[in-house]
Amino acid sequence: FRRVLFRSGTLRDAIETAYDTELQLEKDYVRWYSACAKDPVTAEFLLQFLRGQRKSVGEYGDLLSRLDLAGD
């Protein structure tokens, strides 16, 4: 896991950083899930995390959309 350092002062920057981090983790879960195609137990285990991660990415995306509508 990477440690993300956030030094900007805007709400948008904080949410964009969180969104990018969550999106990268989702991509990692997809990669890990694909790598264990021959191991259905591990694949099912990772699928649980992937579902939760997809929800998290969506929530941050929604926050960014709301900021766009509100004009930051």
PDB file of N, CA and C in Angstrom:
ATOM      1  N   PHE A   1       0.824  -1.195   0.000  1.00  0.00           N
ATOM      2  CA  PHE A   1       0.000   0.000   0.000  1.00  0.00           C
ATOM      3  C   PHE A   1       0.861   1.249   0.000  1.00  0.00           C
ATOM      4  N   ARG A   2       0.372   2.243  -0.677  1.00  0.00           N
ATOM      5  CA  ARG A   2       1.081   3.517  -0.733  1.00  0.00           C
ATOM      6  C   ARG A   2       0.554   4.454   0.327  1.00  0.00           C
ATOM      7  N   ARG A   3       1.426   5.296   0.797  1.00  0.00           N
ATOM      8  CA  ARG A   3       1.001   6.348   1.710  1.00  0.00           C
ATOM      9  C   ARG A   3       0.837   7.617   0.887  1.00  0.00           C
ATOM     10  N   VAL A   4      -0.331   8.222   0.966  1.00  0.00           N
ATOM     11  CA  VAL A   4      -0.621   9.415   0.197  1.00  0.00           C
ATOM     12  C   VAL A   4      -0.439  10.629   1.093  1.00  0.00           C
ATOM     13  N   LEU A   5       0.414  11.538   0.664  1.00  0.00           N
ATOM     14  CA  LEU A   5       0.617  12.773   1.407  1.00  0.00           C
ATOM     15  C   LEU A   5      -0.206  13.865   0.759  1.00  0.00           C
ATOM     16  N   PHE A   6      -0.982  14.550   1.547  1.00  0.00           N
ATOM     17  CA  PHE A   6      -1.850  15.590   1.045  1.00  0.00           C
ATOM     18  C   PHE A   6      -1.452  16.905   1.687  1.00  0.00           C
ATOM     19  N   ARG A   7      -1.093  17.862   0.864  1.00  0.00           N
ATOM     20  CA  ARG A   7      -0.618  19.128   1.409  1.00  0.00           C
ATOM     21  C   ARG A   7      -1.394  20.318   0.875  1.00  0.00           C
ATOM     22  N   SER A   8      -2.340  20.107   0.013  1.00  0.00           N
ATOM     23  CA  SER A   8      -3.110  21.212  -0.540  1.00  0.00           C
ATOM     24  C   SER A   8      -4.208  21.621   0.434  1.00  0.00           C
ATOM     25  N   GLY A   9      -4.727  22.818   0.247  1.00  0.00           N
ATOM     26  CA  GLY A   9      -5.694  23.309   1.204  1.00  0.00           C
ATOM     27  C   GLY A   9      -7.133  23.293   0.741  1.00  0.00           C
ATOM     28  N   THR A  10      -7.420  22.798  -0.470  1.00  0.00           N
ATOM     29  CA  THR A  10      -8.798  22.860  -0.944  1.00  0.00           C
ATOM     30  C   THR A  10      -9.514  21.527  -0.735  1.00  0.00           C
ATOM     31  N   LEU A  11     -10.799  21.633  -0.582  1.00  0.00           N
ATOM     32  CA  LEU A  11     -11.636  20.444  -0.444  1.00  0.00           C
ATOM     33  C   LEU A  11     -11.584  19.607  -1.720  1.00  0.00           C
ATOM     34  N   ARG A  12     -11.622  20.271  -2.866  1.00  0.00           N
ATOM     35  CA  ARG A  12     -11.572  19.543  -4.138  1.00  0.00           C
ATOM     36  C   ARG A  12     -10.287  18.720  -4.240  1.00  0.00           C
ATOM     37  N   ASP A  13      -9.156  19.304  -3.879  1.00  0.00           N
ATOM     38  CA  ASP A  13      -7.894  18.575  -3.947  1.00  0.00           C
ATOM     39  C   ASP A  13      -7.906  17.351  -3.041  1.00  0.00           C
ATOM     40  N   ALA A  14      -8.481  17.497  -1.857  1.00  0.00           N
ATOM     41  CA  ALA A  14      -8.556  16.368  -0.922  1.00  0.00           C
ATOM     42  C   ALA A  14      -9.422  15.252  -1.487  1.00  0.00           C
ATOM     43  N   ILE A  15     -10.562  15.609  -2.050  1.00  0.00           N
ATOM     44  CA  ILE A  15     -11.473  14.598  -2.590  1.00  0.00           C
ATOM     45  C   ILE A  15     -10.884  13.961  -3.845  1.00  0.00           C
ATOM     46  N   GLU A  16     -10.224  14.750  -4.689  1.00  0.00           N
ATOM     47  CA  GLU A  16      -9.589  14.180  -5.876  1.00  0.00           C
ATOM     48  C   GLU A  16      -8.469  13.212  -5.504  1.00  0.00           C
ATOM     49  N   THR A  17      -7.703  13.550  -4.481  1.00  0.00           N
ATOM     50  CA  THR A  17      -6.647  12.654  -4.015  1.00  0.00           C
ATOM     51  C   THR A  17      -7.246  11.348  -3.493  1.00  0.00           C
ATOM     52  N   ALA A  18      -8.311  11.458  -2.713  1.00  0.00           N
ATOM     53  CA  ALA A  18      -8.978  10.261  -2.189  1.00  0.00           C
ATOM     54  C   ALA A  18      -9.569   9.427  -3.321  1.00  0.00           C
ATOM     55  N   TYR A  19     -10.187  10.096  -4.291  1.00  0.00           N
ATOM     56  CA  TYR A  19     -10.776   9.394  -5.435  1.00  0.00           C
ATOM     57  C   TYR A  19      -9.695   8.631  -6.207  1.00  0.00           C
ATOM     58  N   ASP A  20      -8.581   9.304  -6.503  1.00  0.00           N
ATOM     59  CA  ASP A  20      -7.495   8.651  -7.241  1.00  0.00           C
ATOM     60  C   ASP A  20      -6.947   7.445  -6.483  1.00  0.00           C
ATOM     61  N   THR A  21      -6.829   7.580  -5.172  1.00  0.00           N
ATOM     62  CA  THR A  21      -6.331   6.479  -4.343  1.00  0.00           C
ATOM     63  C   THR A  21      -7.296   5.303  -4.365  1.00  0.00           C
ATOM     64  N   GLU A  22      -8.583   5.586  -4.210  1.00  0.00           N
ATOM     65  CA  GLU A  22      -9.596   4.523  -4.231  1.00  0.00           C
ATOM     66  C   GLU A  22      -9.679   3.868  -5.604  1.00  0.00           C
ATOM     67  N   LEU A  23      -9.552   4.666  -6.656  1.00  0.00           N
ATOM     68  CA  LEU A  23      -9.596   4.125  -8.013  1.00  0.00           C
ATOM     69  C   LEU A  23      -8.409   3.194  -8.268  1.00  0.00           C
ATOM     70  N   GLN A  24      -7.232   3.576  -7.799  1.00  0.00           N
ATOM     71  CA  GLN A  24      -6.057   2.723  -7.955  1.00  0.00           C
ATOM     72  C   GLN A  24      -6.223   1.413  -7.194  1.00  0.00           C
ATOM     73  N   LEU A  25      -6.776   1.490  -5.996  1.00  0.00           N
ATOM     74  CA  LEU A  25      -6.998   0.272  -5.224  1.00  0.00           C
ATOM     75  C   LEU A  25      -8.003  -0.633  -5.923  1.00  0.00           C
ATOM     76  N   GLU A  26      -9.028  -0.054  -6.538  1.00  0.00           N
ATOM     77  CA  GLU A  26      -9.988  -0.862  -7.294  1.00  0.00           C
ATOM     78  C   GLU A  26      -9.285  -1.579  -8.447  1.00  0.00           C
ATOM     79  N   LYS A  27      -8.413  -0.871  -9.152  1.00  0.00           N
ATOM     80  CA  LYS A  27      -7.658  -1.487 -10.248  1.00  0.00           C
ATOM     81  C   LYS A  27      -6.775  -2.621  -9.731  1.00  0.00           C
ATOM     82  N   ASP A  28      -6.187  -2.427  -8.549  1.00  0.00           N
ATOM     83  CA  ASP A  28      -5.379  -3.484  -7.948  1.00  0.00           C
ATOM     84  C   ASP A  28      -6.224  -4.712  -7.635  1.00  0.00           C
ATOM     85  N   TYR A  29      -7.406  -4.509  -7.064  1.00  0.00           N
ATOM     86  CA  TYR A  29      -8.290  -5.639  -6.771  1.00  0.00           C
ATOM     87  C   TYR A  29      -8.671  -6.384  -8.042  1.00  0.00           C
ATOM     88  N   VAL A  30      -8.947  -5.665  -9.106  1.00  0.00           N
ATOM     89  CA  VAL A  30      -9.286  -6.308 -10.378  1.00  0.00           C
ATOM     90  C   VAL A  30      -8.110  -7.148 -10.871  1.00  0.00           C
ATOM     91  N   ARG A  31      -6.919  -6.585 -10.780  1.00  0.00           N
ATOM     92  CA  ARG A  31      -5.712  -7.308 -11.211  1.00  0.00           C
ATOM     93  C   ARG A  31      -5.504  -8.560 -10.365  1.00  0.00           C
ATOM     94  N   TRP A  32      -5.643  -8.422  -9.058  1.00  0.00           N
ATOM     95  CA  TRP A  32      -5.468  -9.572  -8.161  1.00  0.00           C
ATOM     96  C   TRP A  32      -6.539 -10.630  -8.400  1.00  0.00           C
ATOM     97  N   TYR A  33      -7.774 -10.165  -8.629  1.00  0.00           N
ATOM     98  CA  TYR A  33      -8.872 -11.097  -8.908  1.00  0.00           C
ATOM     99  C   TYR A  33      -8.581 -11.882 -10.185  1.00  0.00           C
ATOM    100  N   SER A  34      -8.126 -11.191 -11.214  1.00  0.00           N
ATOM    101  CA  SER A  34      -7.817 -11.845 -12.486  1.00  0.00           C
ATOM    102  C   SER A  34      -6.668 -12.842 -12.339  1.00  0.00           C
ATOM    103  N   ALA A  35      -5.728 -12.529 -11.477  1.00  0.00           N
ATOM    104  CA  ALA A  35      -4.565 -13.396 -11.298  1.00  0.00           C
ATOM    105  C   ALA A  35      -4.905 -14.704 -10.597  1.00  0.00           C
ATOM    106  N   CYS A  36      -6.005 -14.753  -9.890  1.00  0.00           N
ATOM    107  CA  CYS A  36      -6.329 -15.984  -9.147  1.00  0.00           C
ATOM    108  C   CYS A  36      -7.545 -16.693  -9.759  1.00  0.00           C
ATOM    109  N   ALA A  37      -7.655 -16.639 -11.067  1.00  0.00           N
ATOM    110  CA  ALA A  37      -8.788 -17.250 -11.757  1.00  0.00           C
ATOM    111  C   ALA A  37      -8.882 -18.763 -11.516  1.00  0.00           C
ATOM    112  N   LYS A  38      -7.758 -19.410 -11.250  1.00  0.00           N
ATOM    113  CA  LYS A  38      -7.768 -20.859 -11.025  1.00  0.00           C
ATOM    114  C   LYS A  38      -8.020 -21.222  -9.567  1.00  0.00           C
ATOM    115  N   ASP A  39      -8.198 -20.226  -8.721  1.00  0.00           N
ATOM    116  CA  ASP A  39      -8.437 -20.456  -7.298  1.00  0.00           C
ATOM    117  C   ASP A  39      -9.760 -19.791  -6.912  1.00  0.00           C
ATOM    118  N   PRO A  40     -10.873 -20.511  -7.047  1.00  0.00           N
ATOM    119  CA  PRO A  40     -12.186 -19.900  -6.830  1.00  0.00           C
ATOM    120  C   PRO A  40     -12.416 -19.393  -5.405  1.00  0.00           C
ATOM    121  N   VAL A  41     -11.798 -19.984  -4.425  1.00  0.00           N
ATOM    122  CA  VAL A  41     -11.978 -19.533  -3.040  1.00  0.00           C
ATOM    123  C   VAL A  41     -11.358 -18.147  -2.862  1.00  0.00           C
ATOM    124  N   THR A  42     -10.145 -17.988  -3.326  1.00  0.00           N
ATOM    125  CA  THR A  42      -9.485 -16.687  -3.232  1.00  0.00           C
ATOM    126  C   THR A  42     -10.199 -15.656  -4.098  1.00  0.00           C
ATOM    127  N   ALA A  43     -10.634 -16.070  -5.290  1.00  0.00           N
ATOM    128  CA  ALA A  43     -11.358 -15.152  -6.172  1.00  0.00           C
ATOM    129  C   ALA A  43     -12.628 -14.648  -5.507  1.00  0.00           C
ATOM    130  N   GLU A  44     -13.361 -15.514  -4.864  1.00  0.00           N
ATOM    131  CA  GLU A  44     -14.596 -15.109  -4.168  1.00  0.00           C
ATOM    132  C   GLU A  44     -14.276 -14.164  -3.015  1.00  0.00           C
ATOM    133  N   PHE A  45     -13.207 -14.434  -2.298  1.00  0.00           N
ATOM    134  CA  PHE A  45     -12.777 -13.575  -1.203  1.00  0.00           C
ATOM    135  C   PHE A  45     -12.463 -12.168  -1.718  1.00  0.00           C
ATOM    136  N   LEU A  46     -11.692 -12.090  -2.810  1.00  0.00           N
ATOM    137  CA  LEU A  46     -11.339 -10.794  -3.379  1.00  0.00           C
ATOM    138  C   LEU A  46     -12.544 -10.079  -3.976  1.00  0.00           C
ATOM    139  N   LEU A  47     -13.490 -10.841  -4.483  1.00  0.00           N
ATOM    140  CA  LEU A  47     -14.690 -10.244  -5.061  1.00  0.00           C
ATOM    141  C   LEU A  47     -15.460  -9.435  -4.018  1.00  0.00           C
ATOM    142  N   GLN A  48     -15.458  -9.877  -2.793  1.00  0.00           N
ATOM    143  CA  GLN A  48     -16.114  -9.119  -1.723  1.00  0.00           C
ATOM    144  C   GLN A  48     -15.468  -7.745  -1.568  1.00  0.00           C
ATOM    145  N   PHE A  49     -14.149  -7.695  -1.592  1.00  0.00           N
ATOM    146  CA  PHE A  49     -13.440  -6.426  -1.478  1.00  0.00           C
ATOM    147  C   PHE A  49     -13.672  -5.556  -2.708  1.00  0.00           C
ATOM    148  N   LEU A  50     -13.697  -6.181  -3.871  1.00  0.00           N
ATOM    149  CA  LEU A  50     -13.907  -5.445  -5.112  1.00  0.00           C
ATOM    150  C   LEU A  50     -15.280  -4.770  -5.127  1.00  0.00           C
ATOM    151  N   ARG A  51     -16.277  -5.459  -4.639  1.00  0.00           N
ATOM    152  CA  ARG A  51     -17.626  -4.857  -4.573  1.00  0.00           C
ATOM    153  C   ARG A  51     -17.635  -3.633  -3.672  1.00  0.00           C
ATOM    154  N   GLY A  52     -17.011  -3.745  -2.518  1.00  0.00           N
ATOM    155  CA  GLY A  52     -16.949  -2.607  -1.597  1.00  0.00           C
ATOM    156  C   GLY A  52     -16.138  -1.462  -2.174  1.00  0.00           C
ATOM    157  N   GLN A  53     -15.069  -1.802  -2.872  1.00  0.00           N
ATOM    158  CA  GLN A  53     -14.218  -0.773  -3.457  1.00  0.00           C
ATOM    159  C   GLN A  53     -14.938  -0.026  -4.563  1.00  0.00           C
ATOM    160  N   ARG A  54     -15.721  -0.736  -5.356  1.00  0.00           N
ATOM    161  CA  ARG A  54     -16.493  -0.096  -6.418  1.00  0.00           C
ATOM    162  C   ARG A  54     -17.460   0.922  -5.833  1.00  0.00           C
ATOM    163  N   LYS A  55     -18.057   0.578  -4.705  1.00  0.00           N
ATOM    164  CA  LYS A  55     -18.972   1.499  -4.029  1.00  0.00           C
ATOM    165  C   LYS A  55     -18.218   2.752  -3.553  1.00  0.00           C
ATOM    166  N   SER A  56     -17.043   2.557  -2.999  1.00  0.00           N
ATOM    167  CA  SER A  56     -16.235   3.672  -2.501  1.00  0.00           C
ATOM    168  C   SER A  56     -15.842   4.616  -3.637  1.00  0.00           C
ATOM    169  N   VAL A  57     -15.415   4.063  -4.763  1.00  0.00           N
ATOM    170  CA  VAL A  57     -15.054   4.888  -5.920  1.00  0.00           C
ATOM    171  C   VAL A  57     -16.268   5.692  -6.381  1.00  0.00           C
ATOM    172  N   GLY A  58     -17.421   5.070  -6.406  1.00  0.00           N
ATOM    173  CA  GLY A  58     -18.644   5.755  -6.805  1.00  0.00           C
ATOM    174  C   GLY A  58     -19.004   6.897  -5.870  1.00  0.00           C
ATOM    175  N   GLU A  59     -18.812   6.682  -4.583  1.00  0.00           N
ATOM    176  CA  GLU A  59     -19.134   7.727  -3.611  1.00  0.00           C
ATOM    177  C   GLU A  59     -18.234   8.943  -3.789  1.00  0.00           C
ATOM    178  N   TYR A  60     -16.942   8.719  -4.004  1.00  0.00           N
ATOM    179  CA  TYR A  60     -16.038   9.849  -4.235  1.00  0.00           C
ATOM    180  C   TYR A  60     -16.346  10.531  -5.563  1.00  0.00           C
ATOM    181  N   GLY A  61     -16.711   9.754  -6.562  1.00  0.00           N
ATOM    182  CA  GLY A  61     -17.119  10.342  -7.841  1.00  0.00           C
ATOM    183  C   GLY A  61     -18.345  11.222  -7.680  1.00  0.00           C
ATOM    184  N   ASP A  62     -19.296  10.769  -6.860  1.00  0.00           N
ATOM    185  CA  ASP A  62     -20.485  11.572  -6.581  1.00  0.00           C
ATOM    186  C   ASP A  62     -20.129  12.876  -5.881  1.00  0.00           C
ATOM    187  N   LEU A  63     -19.192  12.814  -4.934  1.00  0.00           N
ATOM    188  CA  LEU A  63     -18.759  14.028  -4.252  1.00  0.00           C
ATOM    189  C   LEU A  63     -18.137  15.026  -5.230  1.00  0.00           C
ATOM    190  N   LEU A  64     -17.331  14.542  -6.136  1.00  0.00           N
ATOM    191  CA  LEU A  64     -16.731  15.426  -7.137  1.00  0.00           C
ATOM    192  C   LEU A  64     -17.792  16.042  -8.043  1.00  0.00           C
ATOM    193  N   SER A  65     -18.791  15.258  -8.399  1.00  0.00           N
ATOM    194  CA  SER A  65     -19.891  15.789  -9.224  1.00  0.00           C
ATOM    195  C   SER A  65     -20.664  16.866  -8.473  1.00  0.00           C
ATOM    196  N   ARG A  66     -20.887  16.665  -7.195  1.00  0.00           N
ATOM    197  CA  ARG A  66     -21.577  17.682  -6.402  1.00  0.00           C
ATOM    198  C   ARG A  66     -20.773  18.967  -6.304  1.00  0.00           C
ATOM    199  N   LEU A  67     -19.443  18.820  -6.171  1.00  0.00           N
ATOM    200  CA  LEU A  67     -18.592  20.019  -6.165  1.00  0.00           C
ATOM    201  C   LEU A  67     -18.668  20.747  -7.502  1.00  0.00           C
ATOM    202  N   ASP A  68     -18.729  20.003  -8.597  1.00  0.00           N
ATOM    203  CA  ASP A  68     -18.873  20.628  -9.918  1.00  0.00           C
ATOM    204  C   ASP A  68     -20.172  21.423  -9.991  1.00  0.00           C
ATOM    205  N   LEU A  69     -21.249  20.828  -9.496  1.00  0.00           N
ATOM    206  CA  LEU A  69     -22.551  21.510  -9.533  1.00  0.00           C
ATOM    207  C   LEU A  69     -22.570  22.745  -8.642  1.00  0.00           C
ATOM    208  N   ALA A  70     -21.893  22.651  -7.519  1.00  0.00           N
ATOM    209  CA  ALA A  70     -21.904  23.760  -6.550  1.00  0.00           C
ATOM    210  C   ALA A  70     -20.865  24.829  -6.892  1.00  0.00           C
ATOM    211  N   GLY A  71     -19.975  24.510  -7.829  1.00  0.00           N
ATOM    212  CA  GLY A  71     -18.928  25.459  -8.179  1.00  0.00           C
ATOM    213  C   GLY A  71     -17.838  25.542  -7.135  1.00  0.00           C
ATOM    214  N   ASP A  72     -17.470  24.426  -6.584  1.00  0.00           N
ATOM    215  CA  ASP A  72     -16.447  24.345  -5.542  1.00  0.00           C
ATOM    216  C   ASP A  72     -16.857  25.148  -4.340  1.00  0.00           C
TER     217      ASP A  72
END
